[in-house]
């Protein structure tokens, strides 16, 4: 919600193969491939 200015945010929940799958999809600006690994590290944005 914070990073999406126009469009939607969707939350999906399902189950298969003994696992839950929760997905949060947005129509925001996206994240460059080079930044995708870093965003899960502490103090990285």
ModelCIF file with pLDDT and N, C-alpha, C, O atoms, coordinates in Angstrom:
data_MODEL
#
_entry.id   MODEL 
#
_entity.id                         1 
_entity.type                       polymer 
_entity.pdbx_number_of_molecules   1 
#
_entity_poly.entity_id                      1 
_entity_poly.type                           'polypeptide(L)' 
_entity_poly.nstd_linkage                   no 
_entity_poly.nstd_monomer                   no 
_entity_poly.pdbx_seq_one_letter_code       
;(UNK)(UNK)(UNK)(UNK)(UNK)(UNK)(UNK)(UNK)(UNK)(UNK)(UNK)(UNK)(UNK)(UNK)(UNK)(UNK)
(UNK)(UNK)(UNK)(UNK)(UNK)(UNK)(UNK)(UNK)(UNK)(UNK)(UNK)(UNK)(UNK)(UNK)(UNK)(UNK)
(UNK)(UNK)(UNK)(UNK)(UNK)(UNK)(UNK)(UNK)(UNK)(UNK)(UNK)(UNK)(UNK)
;
_entity_poly.pdbx_seq_one_letter_code_can   XXXXXXXXXXXXXXXXXXXXXXXXXXXXXXXXXXXXXXXXXXXXX 
_entity_poly.pdbx_strand_id                 A 
#
loop_
_entity_poly_seq.entity_id 
_entity_poly_seq.num 
_entity_poly_seq.mon_id 
_entity_poly_seq.hetero 
1 1  UNK n 
1 2  UNK n 
1 3  UNK n 
1 4  UNK n 
1 5  UNK n 
1 6  UNK n 
1 7  UNK n 
1 8  UNK n 
1 9  UNK n 
1 10 UNK n 
1 11 UNK n 
1 12 UNK n 
1 13 UNK n 
1 14 UNK n 
1 15 UNK n 
1 16 UNK n 
1 17 UNK n 
1 18 UNK n 
1 19 UNK n 
1 20 UNK n 
1 21 UNK n 
1 22 UNK n 
1 23 UNK n 
1 24 UNK n 
1 25 UNK n 
1 26 UNK n 
1 27 UNK n 
1 28 UNK n 
1 29 UNK n 
1 30 UNK n 
1 31 UNK n 
1 32 UNK n 
1 33 UNK n 
1 34 UNK n 
1 35 UNK n 
1 36 UNK n 
1 37 UNK n 
1 38 UNK n 
1 39 UNK n 
1 40 UNK n 
1 41 UNK n 
1 42 UNK n 
1 43 UNK n 
1 44 UNK n 
1 45 UNK n 
#
_struct_asym.id          A 
_struct_asym.entity_id   1 
#
loop_
_ma_qa_metric.id 
_ma_qa_metric.mode 
_ma_qa_metric.name 
_ma_qa_metric.software_group_id 
_ma_qa_metric.type 
1 global pLDDT . pLDDT 
2 local  pLDDT . pLDDT 
#
_ma_qa_metric_global.metric_id      1 
_ma_qa_metric_global.metric_value   90.27 
_ma_qa_metric_global.model_id       1 
_ma_qa_metric_global.ordinal_id     1 
#
loop_
_ma_qa_metric_local.label_asym_id 
_ma_qa_metric_local.label_comp_id 
_ma_qa_metric_local.label_seq_id 
_ma_qa_metric_local.metric_id 
_ma_qa_metric_local.metric_value 
_ma_qa_metric_local.model_id 
_ma_qa_metric_local.ordinal_id 
A UNK 1  2 97.00 1 1  
A UNK 2  2 95.00 1 2  
A UNK 3  2 94.00 1 3  
A UNK 4  2 96.00 1 4  
A UNK 5  2 96.00 1 5  
A UNK 6  2 96.00 1 6  
A UNK 7  2 96.00 1 7  
A UNK 8  2 97.00 1 8  
A UNK 9  2 98.00 1 9  
A UNK 10 2 98.00 1 10 
A UNK 11 2 98.00 1 11 
A UNK 12 2 98.00 1 12 
A UNK 13 2 98.00 1 13 
A UNK 14 2 98.00 1 14 
A UNK 15 2 97.00 1 15 
A UNK 16 2 94.00 1 16 
A UNK 17 2 91.00 1 17 
A UNK 18 2 91.00 1 18 
A UNK 19 2 96.00 1 19 
A UNK 20 2 98.00 1 20 
A UNK 21 2 98.00 1 21 
A UNK 22 2 98.00 1 22 
A UNK 23 2 98.00 1 23 
A UNK 24 2 98.00 1 24 
A UNK 25 2 98.00 1 25 
A UNK 26 2 98.00 1 26 
A UNK 27 2 96.00 1 27 
A UNK 28 2 95.00 1 28 
A UNK 29 2 94.00 1 29 
A UNK 30 2 94.00 1 30 
A UNK 31 2 92.00 1 31 
A UNK 32 2 92.00 1 32 
A UNK 33 2 90.00 1 33 
A UNK 34 2 88.00 1 34 
A UNK 35 2 89.00 1 35 
A UNK 36 2 88.00 1 36 
A UNK 37 2 79.00 1 37 
A UNK 38 2 86.00 1 38 
A UNK 39 2 89.00 1 39 
A UNK 40 2 84.00 1 40 
A UNK 41 2 79.00 1 41 
A UNK 42 2 67.00 1 42 
A UNK 43 2 52.00 1 43 
A UNK 44 2 48.00 1 44 
A UNK 45 2 50.00 1 45 
#
loop_
_atom_site.group_PDB 
_atom_site.id 
_atom_site.type_symbol 
_atom_site.label_atom_id 
_atom_site.label_alt_id 
_atom_site.label_comp_id 
_atom_site.label_asym_id 
_atom_site.label_entity_id 
_atom_site.label_seq_id 
_atom_site.pdbx_PDB_ins_code 
_atom_site.Cartn_x 
_atom_site.Cartn_y 
_atom_site.Cartn_z 
_atom_site.occupancy 
_atom_site.B_iso_or_equiv 
_atom_site.pdbx_formal_charge 
_atom_site.auth_seq_id 
_atom_site.auth_comp_id 
_atom_site.auth_asym_id 
_atom_site.auth_atom_id 
_atom_site.pdbx_PDB_model_num 
ATOM 1   N N  . UNK A 1 1  ? 0.837  -1.203  0.000   1.00 97.00 ? 1  UNK A N  1 
ATOM 2   C CA . UNK A 1 1  ? 0.000  0.000   0.000   1.00 97.00 ? 1  UNK A CA 1 
ATOM 3   C C  . UNK A 1 1  ? 0.874  1.256   0.000   1.00 97.00 ? 1  UNK A C  1 
ATOM 4   O O  . UNK A 1 1  ? 0.596  2.214   -0.721  1.00 97.00 ? 1  UNK A O  1 
ATOM 5   N N  . UNK A 1 2  ? 1.922  1.242   0.807   1.00 95.00 ? 2  UNK A N  1 
ATOM 6   C CA . UNK A 1 2  ? 2.800  2.416   0.915   1.00 95.00 ? 2  UNK A CA 1 
ATOM 7   C C  . UNK A 1 2  ? 3.426  2.783   -0.430  1.00 95.00 ? 2  UNK A C  1 
ATOM 8   O O  . UNK A 1 2  ? 3.514  3.962   -0.771  1.00 95.00 ? 2  UNK A O  1 
ATOM 9   N N  . UNK A 1 3  ? 3.861  1.778   -1.194  1.00 94.00 ? 3  UNK A N  1 
ATOM 10  C CA . UNK A 1 3  ? 4.597  2.049   -2.425  1.00 94.00 ? 3  UNK A CA 1 
ATOM 11  C C  . UNK A 1 3  ? 3.738  2.058   -3.681  1.00 94.00 ? 3  UNK A C  1 
ATOM 12  O O  . UNK A 1 3  ? 4.240  2.355   -4.765  1.00 94.00 ? 3  UNK A O  1 
ATOM 13  N N  . UNK A 1 4  ? 2.462  1.741   -3.558  1.00 96.00 ? 4  UNK A N  1 
ATOM 14  C CA . UNK A 1 4  ? 1.571  1.740   -4.716  1.00 96.00 ? 4  UNK A CA 1 
ATOM 15  C C  . UNK A 1 4  ? 0.765  3.030   -4.728  1.00 96.00 ? 4  UNK A C  1 
ATOM 16  O O  . UNK A 1 4  ? 0.077  3.355   -3.761  1.00 96.00 ? 4  UNK A O  1 
ATOM 17  N N  . UNK A 1 5  ? 0.856  3.756   -5.826  1.00 96.00 ? 5  UNK A N  1 
ATOM 18  C CA . UNK A 1 5  ? 0.136  5.027   -5.929  1.00 96.00 ? 5  UNK A CA 1 
ATOM 19  C C  . UNK A 1 5  ? -1.184 4.884   -6.670  1.00 96.00 ? 5  UNK A C  1 
ATOM 20  O O  . UNK A 1 5  ? -2.130 5.618   -6.387  1.00 96.00 ? 5  UNK A O  1 
ATOM 21  N N  . UNK A 1 6  ? -1.264 3.956   -7.609  1.00 96.00 ? 6  UNK A N  1 
ATOM 22  C CA . UNK A 1 6  ? -2.456 3.772   -8.422  1.00 96.00 ? 6  UNK A CA 1 
ATOM 23  C C  . UNK A 1 6  ? -2.668 2.279   -8.635  1.00 96.00 ? 6  UNK A C  1 
ATOM 24  O O  . UNK A 1 6  ? -1.714 1.528   -8.838  1.00 96.00 ? 6  UNK A O  1 
ATOM 25  N N  . UNK A 1 7  ? -3.932 1.856   -8.586  1.00 96.00 ? 7  UNK A N  1 
ATOM 26  C CA . UNK A 1 7  ? -4.220 0.469   -8.917  1.00 96.00 ? 7  UNK A CA 1 
ATOM 27  C C  . UNK A 1 7  ? -4.701 -0.323  -7.734  1.00 96.00 ? 7  UNK A C  1 
ATOM 28  O O  . UNK A 1 7  ? -5.636 0.076   -7.040  1.00 96.00 ? 7  UNK A O  1 
ATOM 29  N N  . UNK A 1 8  ? -4.040 -1.478  -7.500  1.00 97.00 ? 8  UNK A N  1 
ATOM 30  C CA . UNK A 1 8  ? -4.563 -2.382  -6.486  1.00 97.00 ? 8  UNK A CA 1 
ATOM 31  C C  . UNK A 1 8  ? -3.478 -3.108  -5.716  1.00 97.00 ? 8  UNK A C  1 
ATOM 32  O O  . UNK A 1 8  ? -2.319 -3.185  -6.122  1.00 97.00 ? 8  UNK A O  1 
ATOM 33  N N  . UNK A 1 9  ? -3.915 -3.634  -4.584  1.00 98.00 ? 9  UNK A N  1 
ATOM 34  C CA . UNK A 1 9  ? -3.131 -4.557  -3.774  1.00 98.00 ? 9  UNK A CA 1 
ATOM 35  C C  . UNK A 1 9  ? -4.039 -5.755  -3.538  1.00 98.00 ? 9  UNK A C  1 
ATOM 36  O O  . UNK A 1 9  ? -5.188 -5.599  -3.125  1.00 98.00 ? 9  UNK A O  1 
ATOM 37  N N  . UNK A 1 10 ? -3.523 -6.943  -3.800  1.00 98.00 ? 10 UNK A N  1 
ATOM 38  C CA . UNK A 1 10 ? -4.322 -8.155  -3.652  1.00 98.00 ? 10 UNK A CA 1 
ATOM 39  C C  . UNK A 1 10 ? -3.626 -9.123  -2.705  1.00 98.00 ? 10 UNK A C  1 
ATOM 40  O O  . UNK A 1 10 ? -2.408 -9.291  -2.755  1.00 98.00 ? 10 UNK A O  1 
ATOM 41  N N  . UNK A 1 11 ? -4.414 -9.758  -1.843  1.00 98.00 ? 11 UNK A N  1 
ATOM 42  C CA . UNK A 1 11 ? -3.918 -10.774 -0.923  1.00 98.00 ? 11 UNK A CA 1 
ATOM 43  C C  . UNK A 1 11 ? -4.565 -12.092 -1.327  1.00 98.00 ? 11 UNK A C  1 
ATOM 44  O O  . UNK A 1 11 ? -5.787 -12.170 -1.458  1.00 98.00 ? 11 UNK A O  1 
ATOM 45  N N  . UNK A 1 12 ? -3.761 -13.118 -1.523  1.00 98.00 ? 12 UNK A N  1 
ATOM 46  C CA . UNK A 1 12 ? -4.286 -14.419 -1.905  1.00 98.00 ? 12 UNK A CA 1 
ATOM 47  C C  . UNK A 1 12 ? -3.787 -15.473 -0.930  1.00 98.00 ? 12 UNK A C  1 
ATOM 48  O O  . UNK A 1 12 ? -2.649 -15.414 -0.464  1.00 98.00 ? 12 UNK A O  1 
ATOM 49  N N  . UNK A 1 13 ? -4.652 -16.443 -0.624  1.00 98.00 ? 13 UNK A N  1 
ATOM 50  C CA . UNK A 1 13 ? -4.289 -17.539 0.266   1.00 98.00 ? 13 UNK A CA 1 
ATOM 51  C C  . UNK A 1 13 ? -4.793 -18.841 -0.335  1.00 98.00 ? 13 UNK A C  1 
ATOM 52  O O  . UNK A 1 13 ? -5.952 -18.950 -0.734  1.00 98.00 ? 13 UNK A O  1 
ATOM 53  N N  . UNK A 1 14 ? -3.904 -19.825 -0.393  1.00 98.00 ? 14 UNK A N  1 
ATOM 54  C CA . UNK A 1 14 ? -4.279 -21.134 -0.910  1.00 98.00 ? 14 UNK A CA 1 
ATOM 55  C C  . UNK A 1 14 ? -3.431 -22.192 -0.211  1.00 98.00 ? 14 UNK A C  1 
ATOM 56  O O  . UNK A 1 14 ? -2.581 -21.889 0.627   1.00 98.00 ? 14 UNK A O  1 
ATOM 57  N N  . UNK A 1 15 ? -3.689 -23.430 -0.579  1.00 97.00 ? 15 UNK A N  1 
ATOM 58  C CA . UNK A 1 15 ? -2.969 -24.542 0.031   1.00 97.00 ? 15 UNK A CA 1 
ATOM 59  C C  . UNK A 1 15 ? -2.765 -25.620 -1.020  1.00 97.00 ? 15 UNK A C  1 
ATOM 60  O O  . UNK A 1 15 ? -3.687 -25.963 -1.760  1.00 97.00 ? 15 UNK A O  1 
ATOM 61  N N  . UNK A 1 16 ? -1.543 -26.153 -1.079  1.00 94.00 ? 16 UNK A N  1 
ATOM 62  C CA . UNK A 1 16 ? -1.267 -27.308 -1.940  1.00 94.00 ? 16 UNK A CA 1 
ATOM 63  C C  . UNK A 1 16 ? 0.021  -27.970 -1.472  1.00 94.00 ? 16 UNK A C  1 
ATOM 64  O O  . UNK A 1 16 ? 0.909  -27.325 -0.914  1.00 94.00 ? 16 UNK A O  1 
ATOM 65  N N  . UNK A 1 17 ? 0.098  -29.269 -1.714  1.00 91.00 ? 17 UNK A N  1 
ATOM 66  C CA . UNK A 1 17 ? 1.305  -30.038 -1.387  1.00 91.00 ? 17 UNK A CA 1 
ATOM 67  C C  . UNK A 1 17 ? 1.769  -29.853 0.056   1.00 91.00 ? 17 UNK A C  1 
ATOM 68  O O  . UNK A 1 17 ? 2.971  -29.763 0.308   1.00 91.00 ? 17 UNK A O  1 
ATOM 69  N N  . UNK A 1 18 ? 0.835  -29.796 1.003   1.00 91.00 ? 18 UNK A N  1 
ATOM 70  C CA . UNK A 1 18 ? 1.186  -29.690 2.411   1.00 91.00 ? 18 UNK A CA 1 
ATOM 71  C C  . UNK A 1 18 ? 1.693  -28.334 2.850   1.00 91.00 ? 18 UNK A C  1 
ATOM 72  O O  . UNK A 1 18 ? 2.292  -28.211 3.918   1.00 91.00 ? 18 UNK A O  1 
ATOM 73  N N  . UNK A 1 19 ? 1.456  -27.301 2.028   1.00 96.00 ? 19 UNK A N  1 
ATOM 74  C CA . UNK A 1 19 ? 1.922  -25.959 2.372   1.00 96.00 ? 19 UNK A CA 1 
ATOM 75  C C  . UNK A 1 19 ? 0.851  -24.913 2.098   1.00 96.00 ? 19 UNK A C  1 
ATOM 76  O O  . UNK A 1 19 ? 0.059  -25.030 1.163   1.00 96.00 ? 19 UNK A O  1 
ATOM 77  N N  . UNK A 1 20 ? 0.852  -23.899 2.935   1.00 98.00 ? 20 UNK A N  1 
ATOM 78  C CA . UNK A 1 20 ? 0.052  -22.707 2.648   1.00 98.00 ? 20 UNK A CA 1 
ATOM 79  C C  . UNK A 1 20 ? 0.860  -21.840 1.702   1.00 98.00 ? 20 UNK A C  1 
ATOM 80  O O  . UNK A 1 20 ? 2.090  -21.815 1.748   1.00 98.00 ? 20 UNK A O  1 
ATOM 81  N N  . UNK A 1 21 ? 0.141  -21.128 0.845   1.00 98.00 ? 21 UNK A N  1 
ATOM 82  C CA . UNK A 1 21 ? 0.759  -20.136 -0.029  1.00 98.00 ? 21 UNK A CA 1 
ATOM 83  C C  . UNK A 1 21 ? 0.001  -18.835 0.185   1.00 98.00 ? 21 UNK A C  1 
ATOM 84  O O  . UNK A 1 21 ? -1.195 -18.749 -0.091  1.00 98.00 ? 21 UNK A O  1 
ATOM 85  N N  . UNK A 1 22 ? 0.707  -17.825 0.680   1.00 98.00 ? 22 UNK A N  1 
ATOM 86  C CA . UNK A 1 22 ? 0.143  -16.495 0.848   1.00 98.00 ? 22 UNK A CA 1 
ATOM 87  C C  . UNK A 1 22 ? 0.881  -15.577 -0.105  1.00 98.00 ? 22 UNK A C  1 
ATOM 88  O O  . UNK A 1 22 ? 2.112  -15.558 -0.128  1.00 98.00 ? 22 UNK A O  1 
ATOM 89  N N  . UNK A 1 23 ? 0.136  -14.818 -0.889  1.00 98.00 ? 23 UNK A N  1 
ATOM 90  C CA . UNK A 1 23 ? 0.766  -13.915 -1.852  1.00 98.00 ? 23 UNK A CA 1 
ATOM 91  C C  . UNK A 1 23 ? 0.186  -12.521 -1.699  1.00 98.00 ? 23 UNK A C  1 
ATOM 92  O O  . UNK A 1 23 ? -1.018 -12.354 -1.500  1.00 98.00 ? 23 UNK A O  1 
ATOM 93  N N  . UNK A 1 24 ? 1.051  -11.523 -1.795  1.00 98.00 ? 24 UNK A N  1 
ATOM 94  C CA . UNK A 1 24 ? 0.644  -10.119 -1.782  1.00 98.00 ? 24 UNK A CA 1 
ATOM 95  C C  . UNK A 1 24 ? 1.147  -9.529  -3.095  1.00 98.00 ? 24 UNK A C  1 
ATOM 96  O O  . UNK A 1 24 ? 2.350  -9.434  -3.337  1.00 98.00 ? 24 UNK A O  1 
ATOM 97  N N  . UNK A 1 25 ? 0.200  -9.141  -3.927  1.00 98.00 ? 25 UNK A N  1 
ATOM 98  C CA . UNK A 1 25 ? 0.512  -8.610  -5.253  1.00 98.00 ? 25 UNK A CA 1 
ATOM 99  C C  . UNK A 1 25 ? 0.101  -7.144  -5.311  1.00 98.00 ? 25 UNK A C  1 
ATOM 100 O O  . UNK A 1 25 ? -0.959 -6.770  -4.810  1.00 98.00 ? 25 UNK A O  1 
ATOM 101 N N  . UNK A 1 26 ? 0.945  -6.316  -5.927  1.00 98.00 ? 26 UNK A N  1 
ATOM 102 C CA . UNK A 1 26 ? 0.606  -4.900  -6.059  1.00 98.00 ? 26 UNK A CA 1 
ATOM 103 C C  . UNK A 1 26 ? 0.899  -4.414  -7.469  1.00 98.00 ? 26 UNK A C  1 
ATOM 104 O O  . UNK A 1 26 ? 1.602  -5.064  -8.242  1.00 98.00 ? 26 UNK A O  1 
ATOM 105 N N  . UNK A 1 27 ? 0.341  -3.254  -7.777  1.00 96.00 ? 27 UNK A N  1 
ATOM 106 C CA . UNK A 1 27 ? 0.578  -2.624  -9.083  1.00 96.00 ? 27 UNK A CA 1 
ATOM 107 C C  . UNK A 1 27 ? 1.520  -1.432  -8.930  1.00 96.00 ? 27 UNK A C  1 
ATOM 108 O O  . UNK A 1 27 ? 1.444  -0.458  -9.679  1.00 96.00 ? 27 UNK A O  1 
ATOM 109 N N  . UNK A 1 28 ? 2.403  -1.531  -7.946  1.00 95.00 ? 28 UNK A N  1 
ATOM 110 C CA . UNK A 1 28 ? 3.341  -0.448  -7.644  1.00 95.00 ? 28 UNK A CA 1 
ATOM 111 C C  . UNK A 1 28 ? 4.488  -0.359  -8.630  1.00 95.00 ? 28 UNK A C  1 
ATOM 112 O O  . UNK A 1 28 ? 4.418  -0.916  -9.725  1.00 95.00 ? 28 UNK A O  1 
ATOM 113 N N  . UNK A 1 29 ? 5.555  0.350   -8.239  1.00 94.00 ? 29 UNK A N  1 
ATOM 114 C CA . UNK A 1 29 ? 6.661  0.648   -9.157  1.00 94.00 ? 29 UNK A CA 1 
ATOM 115 C C  . UNK A 1 29 ? 7.537  -0.556  -9.497  1.00 94.00 ? 29 UNK A C  1 
ATOM 116 O O  . UNK A 1 29 ? 8.306  -0.500  -10.456 1.00 94.00 ? 29 UNK A O  1 
ATOM 117 N N  . UNK A 1 30 ? 7.436  -1.632  -8.737  1.00 94.00 ? 30 UNK A N  1 
ATOM 118 C CA . UNK A 1 30 ? 8.293  -2.783  -8.970  1.00 94.00 ? 30 UNK A CA 1 
ATOM 119 C C  . UNK A 1 30 ? 9.668  -2.596  -8.356  1.00 94.00 ? 30 UNK A C  1 
ATOM 120 O O  . UNK A 1 30 ? 10.014 -1.513  -7.883  1.00 94.00 ? 30 UNK A O  1 
ATOM 121 N N  . UNK A 1 31 ? 10.448 -3.674  -8.373  1.00 92.00 ? 31 UNK A N  1 
ATOM 122 C CA . UNK A 1 31 ? 11.787 -3.677  -7.771  1.00 92.00 ? 31 UNK A CA 1 
ATOM 123 C C  . UNK A 1 31 ? 12.752 -4.226  -8.807  1.00 92.00 ? 31 UNK A C  1 
ATOM 124 O O  . UNK A 1 31 ? 12.523 -5.294  -9.375  1.00 92.00 ? 31 UNK A O  1 
ATOM 125 N N  . UNK A 1 32 ? 13.824 -3.500  -9.049  1.00 92.00 ? 32 UNK A N  1 
ATOM 126 C CA . UNK A 1 32 ? 14.831 -3.937  -10.019 1.00 92.00 ? 32 UNK A CA 1 
ATOM 127 C C  . UNK A 1 32 ? 15.418 -5.286  -9.601  1.00 92.00 ? 32 UNK A C  1 
ATOM 128 O O  . UNK A 1 32 ? 15.562 -5.563  -8.410  1.00 92.00 ? 32 UNK A O  1 
ATOM 129 N N  . UNK A 1 33 ? 15.751 -6.113  -10.576 1.00 90.00 ? 33 UNK A N  1 
ATOM 130 C CA . UNK A 1 33 ? 16.309 -7.443  -10.313 1.00 90.00 ? 33 UNK A CA 1 
ATOM 131 C C  . UNK A 1 33 ? 17.537 -7.358  -9.406  1.00 90.00 ? 33 UNK A C  1 
ATOM 132 O O  . UNK A 1 33 ? 17.706 -8.197  -8.521  1.00 90.00 ? 33 UNK A O  1 
ATOM 133 N N  . UNK A 1 34 ? 18.382 -6.372  -9.609  1.00 88.00 ? 34 UNK A N  1 
ATOM 134 C CA . UNK A 1 34 ? 19.601 -6.221  -8.805  1.00 88.00 ? 34 UNK A CA 1 
ATOM 135 C C  . UNK A 1 34 ? 19.297 -5.934  -7.341  1.00 88.00 ? 34 UNK A C  1 
ATOM 136 O O  . UNK A 1 34 ? 20.118 -6.235  -6.474  1.00 88.00 ? 34 UNK A O  1 
ATOM 137 N N  . UNK A 1 35 ? 18.138 -5.363  -7.049  1.00 89.00 ? 35 UNK A N  1 
ATOM 138 C CA . UNK A 1 35 ? 17.777 -5.006  -5.678  1.00 89.00 ? 35 UNK A CA 1 
ATOM 139 C C  . UNK A 1 35 ? 16.975 -6.093  -4.966  1.00 89.00 ? 35 UNK A C  1 
ATOM 140 O O  . UNK A 1 35 ? 16.843 -6.045  -3.743  1.00 89.00 ? 35 UNK A O  1 
ATOM 141 N N  . UNK A 1 36 ? 16.440 -7.064  -5.690  1.00 88.00 ? 36 UNK A N  1 
ATOM 142 C CA . UNK A 1 36 ? 15.529 -8.030  -5.088  1.00 88.00 ? 36 UNK A CA 1 
ATOM 143 C C  . UNK A 1 36 ? 16.164 -8.885  -3.998  1.00 88.00 ? 36 UNK A C  1 
ATOM 144 O O  . UNK A 1 36 ? 15.503 -9.177  -3.002  1.00 88.00 ? 36 UNK A O  1 
ATOM 145 N N  . UNK A 1 37 ? 17.396 -9.289  -4.147  1.00 79.00 ? 37 UNK A N  1 
ATOM 146 C CA . UNK A 1 37 ? 18.057 -10.098 -3.121  1.00 79.00 ? 37 UNK A CA 1 
ATOM 147 C C  . UNK A 1 37 ? 18.372 -9.270  -1.887  1.00 79.00 ? 37 UNK A C  1 
ATOM 148 O O  . UNK A 1 37 ? 18.310 -9.782  -0.770  1.00 79.00 ? 37 UNK A O  1 
ATOM 149 N N  . UNK A 1 38 ? 18.707 -8.006  -2.069  1.00 86.00 ? 38 UNK A N  1 
ATOM 150 C CA . UNK A 1 38 ? 19.121 -7.141  -0.959  1.00 86.00 ? 38 UNK A CA 1 
ATOM 151 C C  . UNK A 1 38 ? 17.980 -6.753  -0.029  1.00 86.00 ? 38 UNK A C  1 
ATOM 152 O O  . UNK A 1 38 ? 18.214 -6.500  1.153   1.00 86.00 ? 38 UNK A O  1 
ATOM 153 N N  . UNK A 1 39 ? 16.748 -6.701  -0.536  1.00 89.00 ? 39 UNK A N  1 
ATOM 154 C CA . UNK A 1 39 ? 15.653 -6.158  0.273   1.00 89.00 ? 39 UNK A CA 1 
ATOM 155 C C  . UNK A 1 39 ? 15.342 -6.986  1.511   1.00 89.00 ? 39 UNK A C  1 
ATOM 156 O O  . UNK A 1 39 ? 14.687 -6.495  2.430   1.00 89.00 ? 39 UNK A O  1 
ATOM 157 N N  . UNK A 1 40 ? 15.802 -8.238  1.552   1.00 84.00 ? 40 UNK A N  1 
ATOM 158 C CA . UNK A 1 40 ? 15.550 -9.083  2.719   1.00 84.00 ? 40 UNK A CA 1 
ATOM 159 C C  . UNK A 1 40 ? 16.664 -8.994  3.756   1.00 84.00 ? 40 UNK A C  1 
ATOM 160 O O  . UNK A 1 40 ? 16.594 -9.655  4.792   1.00 84.00 ? 40 UNK A O  1 
ATOM 161 N N  . UNK A 1 41 ? 17.697 -8.185  3.491   1.00 79.00 ? 41 UNK A N  1 
ATOM 162 C CA . UNK A 1 41 ? 18.789 -7.999  4.435   1.00 79.00 ? 41 UNK A CA 1 
ATOM 163 C C  . UNK A 1 41 ? 18.465 -6.841  5.374   1.00 79.00 ? 41 UNK A C  1 
ATOM 164 O O  . UNK A 1 41 ? 17.764 -5.904  4.993   1.00 79.00 ? 41 UNK A O  1 
ATOM 165 N N  . UNK A 1 42 ? 18.978 -6.909  6.599   1.00 67.00 ? 42 UNK A N  1 
ATOM 166 C CA . UNK A 1 42 ? 18.719 -5.841  7.573   1.00 67.00 ? 42 UNK A CA 1 
ATOM 167 C C  . UNK A 1 42 ? 19.226 -4.504  7.075   1.00 67.00 ? 42 UNK A C  1 
ATOM 168 O O  . UNK A 1 42 ? 20.307 -4.404  6.493   1.00 67.00 ? 42 UNK A O  1 
ATOM 169 N N  . UNK A 1 43 ? 18.427 -3.480  7.315   1.00 52.00 ? 43 UNK A N  1 
ATOM 170 C CA . UNK A 1 43 ? 18.749 -2.081  7.015   1.00 52.00 ? 43 UNK A CA 1 
ATOM 171 C C  . UNK A 1 43 ? 18.978 -1.833  5.531   1.00 52.00 ? 43 UNK A C  1 
ATOM 172 O O  . UNK A 1 43 ? 19.633 -0.859  5.161   1.00 52.00 ? 43 UNK A O  1 
ATOM 173 N N  . UNK A 1 44 ? 18.450 -2.696  4.685   1.00 48.00 ? 44 UNK A N  1 
ATOM 174 C CA . UNK A 1 44 ? 18.597 -2.508  3.242   1.00 48.00 ? 44 UNK A CA 1 
ATOM 175 C C  . UNK A 1 44 ? 17.259 -2.077  2.657   1.00 48.00 ? 44 UNK A C  1 
ATOM 176 O O  . UNK A 1 44 ? 16.213 -2.644  2.973   1.00 48.00 ? 44 UNK A O  1 
ATOM 177 N N  . UNK A 1 45 ? 17.311 -1.090  1.818   1.00 50.00 ? 45 UNK A N  1 
ATOM 178 C CA . UNK A 1 45 ? 16.144 -0.632  1.086   1.00 50.00 ? 45 UNK A CA 1 
ATOM 179 C C  . UNK A 1 45 ? 16.577 -0.344  -0.338  1.00 50.00 ? 45 UNK A C  1 
ATOM 180 O O  . UNK A 1 45 ? 15.757 0.062   -1.162  1.00 50.00 ? 45 UNK A O  1 
#
